[in-house]
């Protein structure tokens, strides 16, 4: 789960870099259609990665269709260990993020010429996070909003979801149909829900994607989330998608707002979330309060790979 502070400094490949505002373990800056100029201020975005604990679980073979992916992931999650970290345990993530010399502003403003790898640890109750600085582990208090009653940091809330504690995540239905109903109900409370007015399931896809990117998810819930876009006739199942690390996966994709193709990348053999790719499929201009963004056809606006994640007992420990 990623949880970095607003002014957090991260070390990557020996270089000290300043991270974007609050990132949960697994995500760093450089992407989010929801932060494009016309969407800024629409919702709070946190950065994170979502992937199951790397414990050994059964594989039922490579998934070649959406139905197989949902079936195999569900069976593997049922046969595998539970994912319910205690509040004092930590979630580790290792994320590779594309960067651009032209800068970022919720998306890559130029070609993805660079790569930034970040390792982070977030305590499961979100009260602390840890990162490396000059090769040394730094542990700091969370900068998330705090409860007026308890003074404790409150779990983050990705778009389309309430605060996502593990108690909440493990209480969600694992039936894709029931889970979609929960997401639609959550979307109804958003101030400007994408797609909630009947223009397809854009809001649902966005909420699914946001949860995968921002939280390390229990495998049973992750399998159910795969079932949500699999039920949507507008969403395509992709048989071959390449992540930033050069790994080939399968995935789901949809075109948002007529120009932005968003792809969720999934390991076809372990059924784990691998990352995302965002590409402009046609030229587009987007005008906001502070700038006009212009995207050319084929421009990559975001590209990220989740290299590893898991539950550990202490920050600095690897799963």
C-alpha atoms as a PDB file:
ATOM      1  CA  UNK A   1       0.000   0.000   0.000  1.00  0.00           C
ATOM      2  CA  UNK A   2       1.720   3.082  -0.660  1.00  0.00           C
ATOM      3  CA  UNK A   3       1.847   5.918   1.673  1.00  0.00           C
ATOM      4  CA  UNK A   4       4.421   8.582   1.236  1.00  0.00           C
ATOM      5  CA  UNK A   5       4.402  12.050   2.690  1.00  0.00           C
ATOM      6  CA  UNK A   6       3.713  15.238   0.832  1.00  0.00           C
ATOM      7  CA  UNK A   7       7.321  16.364   0.861  1.00  0.00           C
ATOM      8  CA  UNK A   8       8.899  12.943   0.962  1.00  0.00           C
ATOM      9  CA  UNK A   9      12.291  12.342  -0.580  1.00  0.00           C
ATOM     10  CA  UNK A  10      12.914   8.986  -2.184  1.00  0.00           C
ATOM     11  CA  UNK A  11      16.120   7.359  -3.277  1.00  0.00           C
ATOM     12  CA  UNK A  12      16.173   5.471  -6.550  1.00  0.00           C
ATOM     13  CA  UNK A  13      19.202   3.918  -8.163  1.00  0.00           C
ATOM     14  CA  UNK A  14      21.442   6.151  -6.083  1.00  0.00           C
ATOM     15  CA  UNK A  15      19.697   9.407  -7.042  1.00  0.00           C
ATOM     16  CA  UNK A  16      17.726  11.485  -4.552  1.00  0.00           C
ATOM     17  CA  UNK A  17      14.413  12.526  -6.030  1.00  0.00           C
ATOM     18  CA  UNK A  18      11.485  14.404  -4.660  1.00  0.00           C
ATOM     19  CA  UNK A  19       8.290  12.415  -4.851  1.00  0.00           C
ATOM     20  CA  UNK A  20       4.876  13.710  -5.745  1.00  0.00           C
ATOM     21  CA  UNK A  21       2.366  14.449  -2.967  1.00  0.00           C
ATOM     22  CA  UNK A  22       1.314  11.545  -0.772  1.00  0.00           C
ATOM     23  CA  UNK A  23       1.938   8.253  -2.503  1.00  0.00           C
ATOM     24  CA  UNK A  24       0.899   4.909  -1.182  1.00  0.00           C
ATOM     25  CA  UNK A  25       3.413   2.128  -1.581  1.00  0.00           C
ATOM     26  CA  UNK A  26       3.583   1.282  -5.131  1.00  0.00           C
ATOM     27  CA  UNK A  27       2.851   4.441  -7.001  1.00  0.00           C
ATOM     28  CA  UNK A  28       4.872   7.441  -7.867  1.00  0.00           C
ATOM     29  CA  UNK A  29       3.963  10.455  -9.934  1.00  0.00           C
ATOM     30  CA  UNK A  30       3.484  10.751 -13.637  1.00  0.00           C
ATOM     31  CA  UNK A  31      -0.024   9.595 -14.253  1.00  0.00           C
ATOM     32  CA  UNK A  32      -3.660   9.921 -13.721  1.00  0.00           C
ATOM     33  CA  UNK A  33      -6.311  10.902 -16.171  1.00  0.00           C
ATOM     34  CA  UNK A  34      -8.193  12.166 -13.156  1.00  0.00           C
ATOM     35  CA  UNK A  35      -5.494  14.835 -12.750  1.00  0.00           C
ATOM     36  CA  UNK A  36      -5.628  16.103 -16.326  1.00  0.00           C
ATOM     37  CA  UNK A  37      -6.468  19.821 -16.429  1.00  0.00           C
ATOM     38  CA  UNK A  38     -10.204  19.335 -16.943  1.00  0.00           C
ATOM     39  CA  UNK A  39     -10.374  16.868 -14.050  1.00  0.00           C
ATOM     40  CA  UNK A  40      -8.251  18.594 -11.416  1.00  0.00           C
ATOM     41  CA  UNK A  41     -10.049  19.246  -8.181  1.00  0.00           C
ATOM     42  CA  UNK A  42     -12.601  16.615  -9.090  1.00  0.00           C
ATOM     43  CA  UNK A  43     -11.409  14.139  -6.519  1.00  0.00           C
ATOM     44  CA  UNK A  44      -8.643  13.328  -4.182  1.00  0.00           C
ATOM     45  CA  UNK A  45      -5.983  11.096  -5.703  1.00  0.00           C
ATOM     46  CA  UNK A  46      -3.558   8.997  -3.756  1.00  0.00           C
ATOM     47  CA  UNK A  47      -0.809   6.912  -5.232  1.00  0.00           C
ATOM     48  CA  UNK A  48      -0.297   3.298  -4.556  1.00  0.00           C
ATOM     49  CA  UNK A  49      -0.063  -0.117  -5.997  1.00  0.00           C
ATOM     50  CA  UNK A  50      -2.322  -3.061  -5.552  1.00  0.00           C
ATOM     51  CA  UNK A  51      -1.153  -6.631  -5.759  1.00  0.00           C
ATOM     52  CA  UNK A  52      -1.562  -9.827  -3.789  1.00  0.00           C
ATOM     53  CA  UNK A  53       0.986 -11.133  -1.300  1.00  0.00           C
ATOM     54  CA  UNK A  54       3.606 -13.167  -3.171  1.00  0.00           C
ATOM     55  CA  UNK A  55       2.838 -16.376  -1.274  1.00  0.00           C
ATOM     56  CA  UNK A  56       2.821 -19.553  -3.341  1.00  0.00           C
ATOM     57  CA  UNK A  57      -0.682 -20.220  -4.632  1.00  0.00           C
ATOM     58  CA  UNK A  58      -1.960 -22.727  -7.180  1.00  0.00           C
ATOM     59  CA  UNK A  59      -1.931 -21.838 -10.857  1.00  0.00           C
ATOM     60  CA  UNK A  60      -4.575 -23.203 -13.156  1.00  0.00           C
ATOM     61  CA  UNK A  61      -2.674 -22.344 -16.300  1.00  0.00           C
ATOM     62  CA  UNK A  62      -2.371 -19.169 -18.352  1.00  0.00           C
ATOM     63  CA  UNK A  63      -5.604 -17.210 -18.693  1.00  0.00           C
ATOM     64  CA  UNK A  64      -6.432 -16.617 -22.327  1.00  0.00           C
ATOM     65  CA  UNK A  65      -9.897 -15.108 -21.900  1.00  0.00           C
ATOM     66  CA  UNK A  66     -11.606 -12.809 -19.418  1.00  0.00           C
ATOM     67  CA  UNK A  67     -13.726 -15.707 -18.159  1.00  0.00           C
ATOM     68  CA  UNK A  68     -10.639 -17.844 -17.571  1.00  0.00           C
ATOM     69  CA  UNK A  69      -8.878 -15.013 -15.753  1.00  0.00           C
ATOM     70  CA  UNK A  70     -11.777 -14.488 -13.362  1.00  0.00           C
ATOM     71  CA  UNK A  71     -12.240 -18.233 -12.826  1.00  0.00           C
ATOM     72  CA  UNK A  72      -8.564 -19.051 -12.320  1.00  0.00           C
ATOM     73  CA  UNK A  73      -7.918 -16.028 -10.102  1.00  0.00           C
ATOM     74  CA  UNK A  74     -10.946 -16.882  -7.948  1.00  0.00           C
ATOM     75  CA  UNK A  75      -9.905 -20.532  -7.566  1.00  0.00           C
ATOM     76  CA  UNK A  76      -6.300 -19.614  -6.785  1.00  0.00           C
ATOM     77  CA  UNK A  77      -7.363 -17.020  -4.211  1.00  0.00           C
ATOM     78  CA  UNK A  78      -9.712 -19.504  -2.536  1.00  0.00           C
ATOM     79  CA  UNK A  79      -6.951 -22.104  -2.316  1.00  0.00           C
ATOM     80  CA  UNK A  80      -4.330 -19.619  -1.177  1.00  0.00           C
ATOM     81  CA  UNK A  81      -3.694 -18.028   2.224  1.00  0.00           C
ATOM     82  CA  UNK A  82      -5.849 -15.258   3.646  1.00  0.00           C
ATOM     83  CA  UNK A  83      -4.646 -11.694   3.220  1.00  0.00           C
ATOM     84  CA  UNK A  84      -5.459  -9.784   6.386  1.00  0.00           C
ATOM     85  CA  UNK A  85      -2.429  -7.936   7.763  1.00  0.00           C
ATOM     86  CA  UNK A  86      -2.465  -6.917  11.398  1.00  0.00           C
ATOM     87  CA  UNK A  87      -2.360  -3.189  12.193  1.00  0.00           C
ATOM     88  CA  UNK A  88       1.314  -3.375  13.210  1.00  0.00           C
ATOM     89  CA  UNK A  89       2.413  -5.286  10.142  1.00  0.00           C
ATOM     90  CA  UNK A  90       3.755  -3.493   7.088  1.00  0.00           C
ATOM     91  CA  UNK A  91       2.976  -3.599   3.371  1.00  0.00           C
ATOM     92  CA  UNK A  92       5.991  -3.539   1.080  1.00  0.00           C
ATOM     93  CA  UNK A  93       5.862  -2.476  -2.567  1.00  0.00           C
ATOM     94  CA  UNK A  94       8.479  -2.122  -5.285  1.00  0.00           C
ATOM     95  CA  UNK A  95       7.264   0.001  -8.192  1.00  0.00           C
ATOM     96  CA  UNK A  96       8.824   1.022 -11.488  1.00  0.00           C
ATOM     97  CA  UNK A  97       7.408   4.262 -12.887  1.00  0.00           C
ATOM     98  CA  UNK A  98       8.017   5.952 -16.231  1.00  0.00           C
ATOM     99  CA  UNK A  99       9.282   9.532 -16.018  1.00  0.00           C
ATOM    100  CA  UNK A 100       9.729  12.336 -18.526  1.00  0.00           C
ATOM    101  CA  UNK A 101      12.266  15.150 -18.763  1.00  0.00           C
ATOM    102  CA  UNK A 102       9.352  17.374 -19.775  1.00  0.00           C
ATOM    103  CA  UNK A 103       7.873  16.875 -16.313  1.00  0.00           C
ATOM    104  CA  UNK A 104       4.618  15.536 -14.967  1.00  0.00           C
ATOM    105  CA  UNK A 105       1.352  16.995 -13.844  1.00  0.00           C
ATOM    106  CA  UNK A 106      -0.793  13.972 -13.242  1.00  0.00           C
ATOM    107  CA  UNK A 107       0.450  12.572 -16.571  1.00  0.00           C
ATOM    108  CA  UNK A 108       3.673  12.338 -18.560  1.00  0.00           C
ATOM    109  CA  UNK A 109       4.180  15.604 -20.438  1.00  0.00           C
ATOM    110  CA  UNK A 110       6.788  14.117 -22.765  1.00  0.00           C
ATOM    111  CA  UNK A 111       8.167  10.789 -23.941  1.00  0.00           C
ATOM    112  CA  UNK A 112       8.743   8.232 -21.152  1.00  0.00           C
ATOM    113  CA  UNK A 113      12.511   8.555 -21.372  1.00  0.00           C
ATOM    114  CA  UNK A 114      13.321   7.681 -17.766  1.00  0.00           C
ATOM    115  CA  UNK A 115      12.439   5.161 -15.108  1.00  0.00           C
ATOM    116  CA  UNK A 116      12.139   5.574 -11.368  1.00  0.00           C
ATOM    117  CA  UNK A 117      12.090   2.577  -9.064  1.00  0.00           C
ATOM    118  CA  UNK A 118      10.736   3.107  -5.562  1.00  0.00           C
ATOM    119  CA  UNK A 119      10.572   0.766  -2.600  1.00  0.00           C
ATOM    120  CA  UNK A 120       8.252   1.764   0.210  1.00  0.00           C
ATOM    121  CA  UNK A 121       6.729   0.304   3.347  1.00  0.00           C
ATOM    122  CA  UNK A 122       3.431   1.412   4.859  1.00  0.00           C
ATOM    123  CA  UNK A 123       2.101   0.207   8.178  1.00  0.00           C
ATOM    124  CA  UNK A 124      -1.201  -1.576   7.670  1.00  0.00           C
ATOM    125  CA  UNK A 125      -3.027   0.915   9.900  1.00  0.00           C
ATOM    126  CA  UNK A 126      -1.544   3.803   7.868  1.00  0.00           C
ATOM    127  CA  UNK A 127       0.021   5.476  10.901  1.00  0.00           C
ATOM    128  CA  UNK A 128       3.600   5.298   9.584  1.00  0.00           C
ATOM    129  CA  UNK A 129       5.459   4.775   6.339  1.00  0.00           C
ATOM    130  CA  UNK A 130       9.089   4.155   5.464  1.00  0.00           C
ATOM    131  CA  UNK A 131      11.420   4.706   2.542  1.00  0.00           C
ATOM    132  CA  UNK A 132      15.108   4.688   1.693  1.00  0.00           C
ATOM    133  CA  UNK A 133      17.256   7.802   1.698  1.00  0.00           C
ATOM    134  CA  UNK A 134      20.895   7.505   0.741  1.00  0.00           C
ATOM    135  CA  UNK A 135      20.619   3.789   1.352  1.00  0.00           C
ATOM    136  CA  UNK A 136      19.239   4.223   4.877  1.00  0.00           C
ATOM    137  CA  UNK A 137      15.747   3.417   6.052  1.00  0.00           C
ATOM    138  CA  UNK A 138      13.697   6.422   7.137  1.00  0.00           C
ATOM    139  CA  UNK A 139      10.496   5.907   9.132  1.00  0.00           C
ATOM    140  CA  UNK A 140       8.088   8.808   9.525  1.00  0.00           C
ATOM    141  CA  UNK A 141       4.552   9.462  10.712  1.00  0.00           C
ATOM    142  CA  UNK A 142       1.837   9.412   8.060  1.00  0.00           C
ATOM    143  CA  UNK A 143       0.740  12.750   6.645  1.00  0.00           C
ATOM    144  CA  UNK A 144      -2.765  11.500   5.951  1.00  0.00           C
ATOM    145  CA  UNK A 145      -5.691  13.437   7.465  1.00  0.00           C
ATOM    146  CA  UNK A 146      -6.268  12.578  11.102  1.00  0.00           C
ATOM    147  CA  UNK A 147      -9.416  11.781  13.005  1.00  0.00           C
ATOM    148  CA  UNK A 148     -10.632  14.600  15.228  1.00  0.00           C
ATOM    149  CA  UNK A 149     -11.657  12.010  17.824  1.00  0.00           C
ATOM    150  CA  UNK A 150      -8.619   9.727  17.933  1.00  0.00           C
ATOM    151  CA  UNK A 151      -5.858  11.795  16.378  1.00  0.00           C
ATOM    152  CA  UNK A 152      -4.972   8.764  14.250  1.00  0.00           C
ATOM    153  CA  UNK A 153      -4.316   8.902  10.526  1.00  0.00           C
ATOM    154  CA  UNK A 154      -7.393   7.870   8.561  1.00  0.00           C
ATOM    155  CA  UNK A 155      -7.127   5.253   5.825  1.00  0.00           C
ATOM    156  CA  UNK A 156      -6.971   6.785   2.313  1.00  0.00           C
ATOM    157  CA  UNK A 157      -9.955   6.846  -0.006  1.00  0.00           C
ATOM    158  CA  UNK A 158      -9.278   6.165  -3.714  1.00  0.00           C
ATOM    159  CA  UNK A 159     -11.823   7.498  -6.183  1.00  0.00           C
ATOM    160  CA  UNK A 160     -15.096   5.618  -5.883  1.00  0.00           C
ATOM    161  CA  UNK A 161     -14.375   4.211  -2.427  1.00  0.00           C
ATOM    162  CA  UNK A 162     -14.677   5.172   1.233  1.00  0.00           C
ATOM    163  CA  UNK A 163     -11.554   4.948   3.431  1.00  0.00           C
ATOM    164  CA  UNK A 164     -10.093   1.534   2.617  1.00  0.00           C
ATOM    165  CA  UNK A 165      -9.047  -0.239   5.793  1.00  0.00           C
ATOM    166  CA  UNK A 166      -8.379  -3.970   5.511  1.00  0.00           C
ATOM    167  CA  UNK A 167     -11.429  -4.624   7.672  1.00  0.00           C
ATOM    168  CA  UNK A 168     -13.500  -2.853   5.022  1.00  0.00           C
ATOM    169  CA  UNK A 169     -11.782  -4.543   2.081  1.00  0.00           C
ATOM    170  CA  UNK A 170     -12.278  -8.001   3.549  1.00  0.00           C
ATOM    171  CA  UNK A 171     -15.968  -7.238   4.163  1.00  0.00           C
ATOM    172  CA  UNK A 172     -16.680  -6.508   0.487  1.00  0.00           C
ATOM    173  CA  UNK A 173     -18.623  -9.082  -1.544  1.00  0.00           C
ATOM    174  CA  UNK A 174     -16.594 -11.350  -3.801  1.00  0.00           C
ATOM    175  CA  UNK A 175     -19.427 -11.757  -6.295  1.00  0.00           C
ATOM    176  CA  UNK A 176     -18.621  -9.456  -9.244  1.00  0.00           C
ATOM    177  CA  UNK A 177     -22.303  -8.523  -9.641  1.00  0.00           C
ATOM    178  CA  UNK A 178     -22.668  -7.557  -5.979  1.00  0.00           C
ATOM    179  CA  UNK A 179     -19.320  -5.800  -6.009  1.00  0.00           C
ATOM    180  CA  UNK A 180     -20.361  -3.735  -9.031  1.00  0.00           C
ATOM    181  CA  UNK A 181     -23.501  -2.718  -7.131  1.00  0.00           C
ATOM    182  CA  UNK A 182     -21.342  -1.541  -4.216  1.00  0.00           C
ATOM    183  CA  UNK A 183     -19.141   0.477  -6.569  1.00  0.00           C
ATOM    184  CA  UNK A 184     -22.141   2.101  -8.232  1.00  0.00           C
ATOM    185  CA  UNK A 185     -23.539   3.020  -4.845  1.00  0.00           C
ATOM    186  CA  UNK A 186     -20.170   4.499  -3.840  1.00  0.00           C
ATOM    187  CA  UNK A 187     -20.023   6.488  -7.082  1.00  0.00           C
ATOM    188  CA  UNK A 188     -23.396   8.074  -6.396  1.00  0.00           C
ATOM    189  CA  UNK A 189     -21.798  10.007  -3.519  1.00  0.00           C
ATOM    190  CA  UNK A 190     -18.996  11.460  -5.657  1.00  0.00           C
ATOM    191  CA  UNK A 191     -19.335  15.191  -6.453  1.00  0.00           C
ATOM    192  CA  UNK A 192     -18.760  14.619 -10.177  1.00  0.00           C
ATOM    193  CA  UNK A 193     -18.824  10.878 -10.817  1.00  0.00           C
ATOM    194  CA  UNK A 194     -17.425   9.888 -14.181  1.00  0.00           C
ATOM    195  CA  UNK A 195     -19.941   7.843 -16.126  1.00  0.00           C
ATOM    196  CA  UNK A 196     -22.514   7.840 -13.345  1.00  0.00           C
ATOM    197  CA  UNK A 197     -25.131   9.556 -15.496  1.00  0.00           C
ATOM    198  CA  UNK A 198     -25.624   6.566 -17.752  1.00  0.00           C
ATOM    199  CA  UNK A 199     -22.789   7.011 -20.236  1.00  0.00           C
ATOM    200  CA  UNK A 200     -21.518   3.464 -19.854  1.00  0.00           C
ATOM    201  CA  UNK A 201     -19.470   2.186 -16.942  1.00  0.00           C
ATOM    202  CA  UNK A 202     -16.553   4.626 -17.136  1.00  0.00           C
ATOM    203  CA  UNK A 203     -16.904   5.460 -13.450  1.00  0.00           C
ATOM    204  CA  UNK A 204     -16.949   1.786 -12.480  1.00  0.00           C
ATOM    205  CA  UNK A 205     -13.804   1.024 -14.501  1.00  0.00           C
ATOM    206  CA  UNK A 206     -12.082   4.061 -12.987  1.00  0.00           C
ATOM    207  CA  UNK A 207     -12.985   2.973  -9.452  1.00  0.00           C
ATOM    208  CA  UNK A 208     -11.729  -0.576 -10.079  1.00  0.00           C
ATOM    209  CA  UNK A 209      -8.505   0.767 -11.522  1.00  0.00           C
ATOM    210  CA  UNK A 210      -8.024   3.258  -8.675  1.00  0.00           C
ATOM    211  CA  UNK A 211      -8.356   0.574  -6.002  1.00  0.00           C
ATOM    212  CA  UNK A 212      -5.889  -1.756  -7.733  1.00  0.00           C
ATOM    213  CA  UNK A 213      -3.369   1.060  -8.112  1.00  0.00           C
ATOM    214  CA  UNK A 214      -3.729   2.463  -4.620  1.00  0.00           C
ATOM    215  CA  UNK A 215      -4.035  -0.539  -2.332  1.00  0.00           C
ATOM    216  CA  UNK A 216      -2.356  -3.913  -1.999  1.00  0.00           C
ATOM    217  CA  UNK A 217      -5.485  -6.019  -2.241  1.00  0.00           C
ATOM    218  CA  UNK A 218      -6.599  -9.341  -0.759  1.00  0.00           C
ATOM    219  CA  UNK A 219      -6.476 -11.879  -3.628  1.00  0.00           C
ATOM    220  CA  UNK A 220     -10.140 -12.828  -3.251  1.00  0.00           C
ATOM    221  CA  UNK A 221     -11.201  -9.224  -3.668  1.00  0.00           C
ATOM    222  CA  UNK A 222      -8.762  -8.753  -6.552  1.00  0.00           C
ATOM    223  CA  UNK A 223     -10.312 -11.725  -8.367  1.00  0.00           C
ATOM    224  CA  UNK A 224     -13.780 -10.244  -7.845  1.00  0.00           C
ATOM    225  CA  UNK A 225     -12.569  -6.903  -9.189  1.00  0.00           C
ATOM    226  CA  UNK A 226     -11.413  -8.655 -12.374  1.00  0.00           C
ATOM    227  CA  UNK A 227     -14.963  -9.878 -12.729  1.00  0.00           C
ATOM    228  CA  UNK A 228     -16.373  -6.353 -12.771  1.00  0.00           C
ATOM    229  CA  UNK A 229     -14.805  -5.104 -16.058  1.00  0.00           C
ATOM    230  CA  UNK A 230     -15.195  -8.618 -17.473  1.00  0.00           C
ATOM    231  CA  UNK A 231     -18.971  -8.082 -17.268  1.00  0.00           C
ATOM    232  CA  UNK A 232     -18.865  -4.774 -19.134  1.00  0.00           C
ATOM    233  CA  UNK A 233     -19.339  -5.127 -22.918  1.00  0.00           C
ATOM    234  CA  UNK A 234     -17.525  -1.810 -23.487  1.00  0.00           C
ATOM    235  CA  UNK A 235     -14.334  -3.095 -21.826  1.00  0.00           C
ATOM    236  CA  UNK A 236     -11.975  -5.183 -23.961  1.00  0.00           C
ATOM    237  CA  UNK A 237      -9.944  -8.133 -22.769  1.00  0.00           C
ATOM    238  CA  UNK A 238      -6.379  -7.737 -23.995  1.00  0.00           C
ATOM    239  CA  UNK A 239      -4.450 -10.941 -24.703  1.00  0.00           C
ATOM    240  CA  UNK A 240      -1.040  -9.256 -24.793  1.00  0.00           C
ATOM    241  CA  UNK A 241      -0.016  -6.086 -22.938  1.00  0.00           C
ATOM    242  CA  UNK A 242       3.572  -5.122 -22.073  1.00  0.00           C
ATOM    243  CA  UNK A 243       4.328  -3.412 -18.789  1.00  0.00           C
ATOM    244  CA  UNK A 244       7.149  -0.962 -18.128  1.00  0.00           C
ATOM    245  CA  UNK A 245       9.455  -3.770 -16.984  1.00  0.00           C
ATOM    246  CA  UNK A 246       9.055  -5.509 -20.353  1.00  0.00           C
ATOM    247  CA  UNK A 247       6.861  -8.281 -18.985  1.00  0.00           C
ATOM    248  CA  UNK A 248       3.936  -9.515 -21.057  1.00  0.00           C
ATOM    249  CA  UNK A 249       0.553  -9.807 -19.432  1.00  0.00           C
ATOM    250  CA  UNK A 250      -3.127  -9.867 -20.231  1.00  0.00           C
ATOM    251  CA  UNK A 251      -5.510  -7.175 -19.169  1.00  0.00           C
ATOM    252  CA  UNK A 252      -8.571  -5.027 -19.514  1.00  0.00           C
ATOM    253  CA  UNK A 253      -8.783  -1.788 -21.460  1.00  0.00           C
ATOM    254  CA  UNK A 254     -11.300   0.898 -22.240  1.00  0.00           C
ATOM    255  CA  UNK A 255     -11.251   4.269 -23.961  1.00  0.00           C
ATOM    256  CA  UNK A 256     -12.216   7.139 -21.687  1.00  0.00           C
ATOM    257  CA  UNK A 257     -13.578  10.441 -22.983  1.00  0.00           C
ATOM    258  CA  UNK A 258     -12.989   9.415 -26.569  1.00  0.00           C
ATOM    259  CA  UNK A 259      -9.193   9.660 -26.584  1.00  0.00           C
ATOM    260  CA  UNK A 260      -7.538   7.988 -23.583  1.00  0.00           C
ATOM    261  CA  UNK A 261      -7.044   4.232 -23.578  1.00  0.00           C
ATOM    262  CA  UNK A 262      -6.462   2.910 -20.073  1.00  0.00           C
ATOM    263  CA  UNK A 263      -5.101  -0.594 -19.668  1.00  0.00           C
ATOM    264  CA  UNK A 264      -4.908  -2.706 -16.528  1.00  0.00           C
ATOM    265  CA  UNK A 265      -2.086  -5.261 -16.830  1.00  0.00           C
ATOM    266  CA  UNK A 266      -2.411  -8.665 -15.129  1.00  0.00           C
ATOM    267  CA  UNK A 267      -0.100 -11.660 -14.868  1.00  0.00           C
ATOM    268  CA  UNK A 268      -1.800 -14.465 -16.880  1.00  0.00           C
ATOM    269  CA  UNK A 269      -0.203 -17.229 -14.790  1.00  0.00           C
ATOM    270  CA  UNK A 270      -0.267 -15.896 -11.219  1.00  0.00           C
ATOM    271  CA  UNK A 271      -3.289 -13.595 -11.796  1.00  0.00           C
ATOM    272  CA  UNK A 272      -1.559 -10.776  -9.897  1.00  0.00           C
ATOM    273  CA  UNK A 273      -1.980  -7.107 -10.763  1.00  0.00           C
ATOM    274  CA  UNK A 274       1.104  -5.968 -12.720  1.00  0.00           C
ATOM    275  CA  UNK A 275       0.495  -2.295 -13.413  1.00  0.00           C
ATOM    276  CA  UNK A 276      -1.055  -0.003 -15.976  1.00  0.00           C
ATOM    277  CA  UNK A 277      -0.508   1.712 -19.336  1.00  0.00           C
ATOM    278  CA  UNK A 278      -2.292   4.885 -20.459  1.00  0.00           C
ATOM    279  CA  UNK A 279      -2.098   5.910 -24.129  1.00  0.00           C
ATOM    280  CA  UNK A 280      -3.783   8.659 -26.153  1.00  0.00           C
ATOM    281  CA  UNK A 281      -5.431   6.835 -29.059  1.00  0.00           C
ATOM    282  CA  UNK A 282      -6.172  10.101 -30.859  1.00  0.00           C
ATOM    283  CA  UNK A 283      -4.972  13.678 -30.682  1.00  0.00           C
ATOM    284  CA  UNK A 284      -6.707  15.666 -27.967  1.00  0.00           C
ATOM    285  CA  UNK A 285      -6.594  19.040 -26.220  1.00  0.00           C
ATOM    286  CA  UNK A 286      -7.719  19.453 -22.639  1.00  0.00           C
ATOM    287  CA  UNK A 287      -8.129  22.901 -21.138  1.00  0.00           C
ATOM    288  CA  UNK A 288      -8.096  23.479 -17.398  1.00  0.00           C
ATOM    289  CA  UNK A 289      -7.839  26.452 -15.091  1.00  0.00           C
ATOM    290  CA  UNK A 290      -4.059  26.682 -15.280  1.00  0.00           C
ATOM    291  CA  UNK A 291      -3.052  25.163 -18.610  1.00  0.00           C
ATOM    292  CA  UNK A 292      -4.070  23.550 -21.858  1.00  0.00           C
ATOM    293  CA  UNK A 293      -2.691  20.072 -22.326  1.00  0.00           C
ATOM    294  CA  UNK A 294      -2.243  18.755 -25.844  1.00  0.00           C
ATOM    295  CA  UNK A 295      -1.776  15.065 -26.486  1.00  0.00           C
ATOM    296  CA  UNK A 296      -0.675  13.532 -29.753  1.00  0.00           C
ATOM    297  CA  UNK A 297      -1.950  10.206 -31.018  1.00  0.00           C
ATOM    298  CA  UNK A 298       0.131   7.384 -29.556  1.00  0.00           C
ATOM    299  CA  UNK A 299       1.509   9.464 -26.671  1.00  0.00           C
ATOM    300  CA  UNK A 300       2.043   7.465 -23.487  1.00  0.00           C
ATOM    301  CA  UNK A 301       0.544   9.400 -20.588  1.00  0.00           C
ATOM    302  CA  UNK A 302       1.319   6.903 -17.840  1.00  0.00           C
ATOM    303  CA  UNK A 303       3.207   3.643 -17.517  1.00  0.00           C
ATOM    304  CA  UNK A 304       3.911   1.713 -14.353  1.00  0.00           C
ATOM    305  CA  UNK A 305       4.963  -1.783 -13.303  1.00  0.00           C
ATOM    306  CA  UNK A 306       4.523  -3.346  -9.888  1.00  0.00           C
ATOM    307  CA  UNK A 307       7.678  -5.405  -9.359  1.00  0.00           C
ATOM    308  CA  UNK A 308       6.826  -6.843  -5.974  1.00  0.00           C
ATOM    309  CA  UNK A 309       4.665  -6.523  -2.873  1.00  0.00           C
ATOM    310  CA  UNK A 310       3.863  -8.368   0.292  1.00  0.00           C
ATOM    311  CA  UNK A 311       3.218  -8.341   4.014  1.00  0.00           C
ATOM    312  CA  UNK A 312       6.291  -8.014   6.241  1.00  0.00           C
ATOM    313  CA  UNK A 313       6.830  -7.670   9.961  1.00  0.00           C
ATOM    314  CA  UNK A 314       9.119  -4.648   9.909  1.00  0.00           C
ATOM    315  CA  UNK A 315       9.952  -1.763   7.571  1.00  0.00           C
ATOM    316  CA  UNK A 316      13.060  -2.499   5.528  1.00  0.00           C
ATOM    317  CA  UNK A 317      12.207  -6.197   5.413  1.00  0.00           C
ATOM    318  CA  UNK A 318      11.503  -7.909   2.082  1.00  0.00           C
ATOM    319  CA  UNK A 319       8.765 -10.526   1.638  1.00  0.00           C
END
